[in-house]
Amino acid sequence: MIRVLLADDHSIVRGGLRRIIEDSGDMSVACEAADGPEAIAKAREVRPDVAVVDISMPGQDGLEVIARLQEEMPAMPILVLTMHEEEQYVVRSLSAGARGYLTKRSAPEELVGAIRKVMAGGRYLGPEVAELLAQRMARGGDHRSRLESLSQREMQVLRALALGRTNREVAEAYSLSVKTVDTYRLRLLKKLGLRNNAELSRFAIQHGLVEV
């Protein structure tokens, strides 16, 4: 029996995924988590066989969770299951150590097969994701978008500021100083060629980094 960790901040989504997984006959949901810190804590406690992780979660986002789990439990495969279909999320997730990437609209038909594939040591990309990566390869391996030049912390600060959080709120969320957050903000403006927080917000919305 494959024991699965489900990490998603929506309880209704987790309930639907649980039914899909447990109807498979060879899998069970060993534990659930509603945010990043809980996902890491549950993984440490339960030691599941595979983790199914969303990207957009409070506390620590899925990319942070992937990196931490890979560091602590490198043998445990991680499958990203998210609403995000943007290229930068796919690339960052796979670079962080995820074995597969699946969008939620594909989940009912593909989730069970994707879990089996990563558990067998393979990799799994949903059809939308495979198309994105094919387009990326067609553009050439040296292509780097402005978003790809950002570090993981810069991406976190960008998303937080785009949601209207103050420098102090961002600092408290990520255990940083207010001065450090402002340094990240100024660096983001320079890297992205933007002038102020309003333009940061528009940029984030246009690139699907935050929900509106």
Protein backbone atom coordinates (compact mmCIF):
# COMPACT_ATOMS: atom_id res chain seq x y z
CA MET A 1 0.00 0.00 0.00
CA ILE A 2 1.44 3.39 -1.06
CA ARG A 3 1.13 5.89 1.81
CA VAL A 4 0.53 9.44 0.60
CA LEU A 5 0.97 12.86 2.19
CA LEU A 6 -1.56 15.39 0.84
CA ALA A 7 -0.57 19.06 1.27
CA ASP A 8 -3.15 21.61 0.09
CA ASP A 9 -4.70 24.54 1.92
CA HIS A 10 -8.25 23.80 0.72
CA SER A 11 -10.02 21.10 2.73
CA ILE A 12 -12.56 20.45 -0.04
CA VAL A 13 -9.75 19.84 -2.53
CA ARG A 14 -8.02 17.49 -0.10
CA GLY A 15 -11.28 15.59 0.36
CA GLY A 16 -11.66 15.08 -3.38
CA LEU A 17 -8.05 14.00 -3.78
CA ARG A 18 -8.39 11.58 -0.86
CA ARG A 19 -11.31 9.86 -2.57
CA ILE A 20 -9.40 9.54 -5.85
CA ILE A 21 -6.35 8.10 -4.09
CA GLU A 22 -8.17 5.67 -1.82
CA ASP A 23 -10.41 4.42 -4.65
CA SER A 24 -7.26 3.22 -6.42
CA GLY A 25 -7.04 0.11 -4.25
CA ASP A 26 -3.28 0.28 -3.71
CA MET A 27 -2.92 3.68 -2.02
CA SER A 28 -4.01 5.38 1.19
CA VAL A 29 -3.72 8.94 2.52
CA ALA A 30 -1.40 8.62 5.50
CA CYS A 31 -1.62 12.28 6.50
CA GLU A 32 -2.87 15.68 5.37
CA ALA A 33 -1.53 19.21 5.76
CA ALA A 34 -3.10 22.62 5.20
CA ASP A 35 0.09 24.68 5.01
CA GLY A 36 3.81 24.41 4.45
CA PRO A 37 5.04 24.03 8.06
CA GLU A 38 2.40 21.39 8.76
CA ALA A 39 3.39 19.46 5.63
CA ILE A 40 7.02 19.32 6.77
CA ALA A 41 6.04 18.35 10.32
CA LYS A 42 3.67 15.59 9.14
CA ALA A 43 6.29 14.21 6.75
CA ARG A 44 8.81 14.02 9.57
CA GLU A 45 6.33 12.32 11.88
CA VAL A 46 4.61 9.87 9.51
CA ARG A 47 7.35 9.26 6.90
CA PRO A 48 4.96 8.72 3.96
CA ASP A 49 6.04 6.98 0.76
CA VAL A 50 5.21 9.94 -1.49
CA ALA A 51 4.17 13.58 -1.06
CA VAL A 52 1.56 15.36 -3.18
CA VAL A 53 2.13 19.08 -2.68
CA ASP A 54 0.40 22.25 -3.85
CA ILE A 55 2.50 25.34 -4.59
CA SER A 56 0.25 28.06 -3.15
CA MET A 57 0.09 27.44 0.59
CA PRO A 58 0.35 29.75 3.60
CA GLY A 59 3.38 29.77 5.87
CA GLN A 60 5.85 28.19 3.49
CA ASP A 61 4.88 27.72 -0.12
CA GLY A 62 5.20 24.45 -1.97
CA LEU A 63 8.59 25.30 -3.44
CA GLU A 64 10.03 25.74 0.05
CA VAL A 65 8.39 22.51 1.15
CA ILE A 66 9.86 20.60 -1.79
CA ALA A 67 13.35 21.89 -1.04
CA ARG A 68 13.08 21.04 2.66
CA LEU A 69 11.67 17.56 2.10
CA GLN A 70 14.32 16.82 -0.51
CA GLU A 71 16.99 17.86 1.96
CA GLU A 72 15.61 15.75 4.82
CA MET A 73 14.02 12.83 2.93
CA PRO A 74 15.71 12.62 -0.48
CA ALA A 75 14.33 9.13 -1.20
CA MET A 76 10.70 10.28 -0.94
CA PRO A 77 9.33 11.32 -4.36
CA ILE A 78 7.34 14.56 -4.52
CA LEU A 79 4.55 15.24 -6.98
CA VAL A 80 3.38 18.83 -7.44
CA LEU A 81 -0.38 19.18 -7.88
CA THR A 82 -1.38 22.79 -8.49
CA MET A 83 -3.57 25.21 -10.38
CA HIS A 84 -0.46 26.99 -11.71
CA GLU A 85 0.38 26.22 -15.32
CA GLU A 86 3.01 28.93 -15.74
CA GLU A 87 6.43 27.85 -16.97
CA GLN A 88 8.35 29.44 -14.12
CA TYR A 89 6.55 27.29 -11.54
CA VAL A 90 7.22 24.11 -13.49
CA VAL A 91 10.92 24.89 -13.86
CA ARG A 92 11.34 25.92 -10.23
CA SER A 93 9.48 22.88 -8.91
CA LEU A 94 11.55 20.43 -10.93
CA SER A 95 14.76 22.28 -10.04
CA ALA A 96 13.82 22.07 -6.34
CA GLY A 97 13.55 18.30 -6.63
CA ALA A 98 9.96 17.44 -7.56
CA ARG A 99 9.62 14.20 -9.55
CA GLY A 100 6.40 15.25 -11.26
CA TYR A 101 4.13 18.19 -12.00
CA LEU A 102 0.39 17.90 -12.54
CA THR A 103 -2.33 20.53 -12.83
CA LYS A 104 -5.54 20.22 -10.84
CA ARG A 105 -7.69 20.15 -13.94
CA SER A 106 -5.89 16.95 -14.96
CA ALA A 107 -5.97 15.40 -11.48
CA PRO A 108 -9.11 13.23 -11.71
CA GLU A 109 -7.77 11.31 -14.70
CA GLU A 110 -4.04 11.36 -14.04
CA LEU A 111 -3.30 11.59 -10.31
CA VAL A 112 -3.20 7.86 -9.53
CA GLY A 113 -1.02 7.09 -12.55
CA ALA A 114 1.29 9.99 -11.72
CA ILE A 115 1.79 8.74 -8.15
CA ARG A 116 2.55 5.23 -9.38
CA LYS A 117 5.04 6.59 -11.92
CA VAL A 118 7.06 8.66 -9.44
CA MET A 119 6.93 5.85 -6.88
CA ALA A 120 8.48 3.54 -9.49
CA GLY A 121 11.38 5.95 -9.88
CA GLY A 122 10.13 7.74 -12.97
CA ARG A 123 9.04 11.29 -13.65
CA TYR A 124 5.59 12.52 -14.58
CA LEU A 125 4.53 15.65 -16.42
CA GLY A 126 0.90 16.44 -17.20
CA PRO A 127 0.10 17.20 -20.86
CA GLU A 128 -0.08 20.98 -20.34
CA VAL A 129 3.26 20.92 -18.54
CA ALA A 130 4.94 18.79 -21.20
CA GLU A 131 3.80 21.28 -23.84
CA LEU A 132 5.27 24.19 -21.87
CA LEU A 133 8.63 22.47 -21.56
CA ALA A 134 8.61 21.54 -25.24
CA GLN A 135 8.08 25.21 -26.12
CA ARG A 136 10.91 26.15 -23.77
CA MET A 137 13.29 23.75 -25.49
CA ALA A 138 12.24 25.08 -28.89
CA ARG A 139 13.25 28.59 -27.78
CA GLY A 140 16.71 27.35 -26.89
CA GLY A 141 18.43 26.25 -23.72
CA ASP A 142 19.91 29.68 -23.02
CA HIS A 143 16.54 31.36 -22.76
CA ARG A 144 15.92 32.89 -19.34
CA SER A 145 12.90 35.01 -18.55
CA ARG A 146 13.05 37.82 -16.03
CA LEU A 147 11.22 35.60 -13.56
CA GLU A 148 13.74 32.80 -13.90
CA SER A 149 16.48 35.21 -12.82
CA LEU A 150 14.81 35.61 -9.40
CA SER A 151 15.87 33.61 -6.38
CA GLN A 152 13.31 31.65 -4.39
CA ARG A 153 13.27 34.31 -1.65
CA GLU A 154 12.82 37.07 -4.23
CA MET A 155 9.83 35.20 -5.65
CA GLN A 156 8.32 34.92 -2.17
CA VAL A 157 8.77 38.62 -1.48
CA LEU A 158 7.37 39.51 -4.91
CA ARG A 159 4.21 37.49 -4.33
CA ALA A 160 3.75 38.86 -0.81
CA LEU A 161 4.15 42.49 -1.91
CA ALA A 162 1.82 41.89 -4.86
CA LEU A 163 -0.83 40.75 -2.37
CA GLY A 164 -0.57 44.14 -0.68
CA ARG A 165 1.43 43.11 2.38
CA THR A 166 3.63 45.72 4.02
CA ASN A 167 7.38 45.31 4.41
CA ARG A 168 6.83 44.58 8.12
CA GLU A 169 4.24 41.89 7.38
CA VAL A 170 6.56 40.25 4.85
CA ALA A 171 9.43 40.42 7.33
CA GLU A 172 7.37 38.69 10.02
CA ALA A 173 6.13 36.00 7.60
CA TYR A 174 9.64 35.00 6.50
CA SER A 175 11.64 35.83 9.67
CA LEU A 176 13.52 38.69 7.99
CA SER A 177 14.28 42.23 9.04
CA VAL A 178 12.25 45.07 7.54
CA LYS A 179 15.47 46.46 6.05
CA THR A 180 16.19 43.13 4.35
CA VAL A 181 12.71 43.04 2.85
CA ASP A 182 13.17 46.54 1.47
CA THR A 183 16.50 45.44 -0.04
CA TYR A 184 14.68 42.56 -1.77
CA ARG A 185 11.99 44.99 -2.96
CA LEU A 186 14.54 47.33 -4.52
CA ARG A 187 16.35 44.37 -6.11
CA LEU A 188 13.06 43.14 -7.60
CA LEU A 189 12.28 46.53 -9.08
CA LYS A 190 15.72 46.65 -10.70
CA LYS A 191 15.69 43.07 -12.02
CA LEU A 192 12.18 43.34 -13.43
CA GLY A 193 12.55 46.87 -14.79
CA LEU A 194 9.70 48.22 -12.67
CA ARG A 195 9.28 51.45 -10.74
CA ASN A 196 7.06 50.85 -7.72
CA ASN A 197 4.91 48.36 -5.78
CA ALA A 198 1.89 49.02 -7.98
CA GLU A 199 3.86 47.87 -11.02
CA LEU A 200 5.11 44.86 -9.04
CA SER A 201 1.49 43.91 -8.37
CA ARG A 202 0.48 44.27 -12.01
CA PHE A 203 3.49 42.22 -13.09
CA ALA A 204 2.65 39.44 -10.62
CA ILE A 205 -0.99 39.33 -11.77
CA GLN A 206 -0.04 39.30 -15.45
CA HIS A 207 2.31 36.35 -14.88
CA GLY A 208 -0.14 34.35 -12.76
CA LEU A 209 1.89 34.62 -9.56
CA VAL A 210 -1.08 35.70 -7.46
CA GLU A 211 -4.78 35.03 -7.68
CA VAL A 212 -7.16 37.95 -8.30
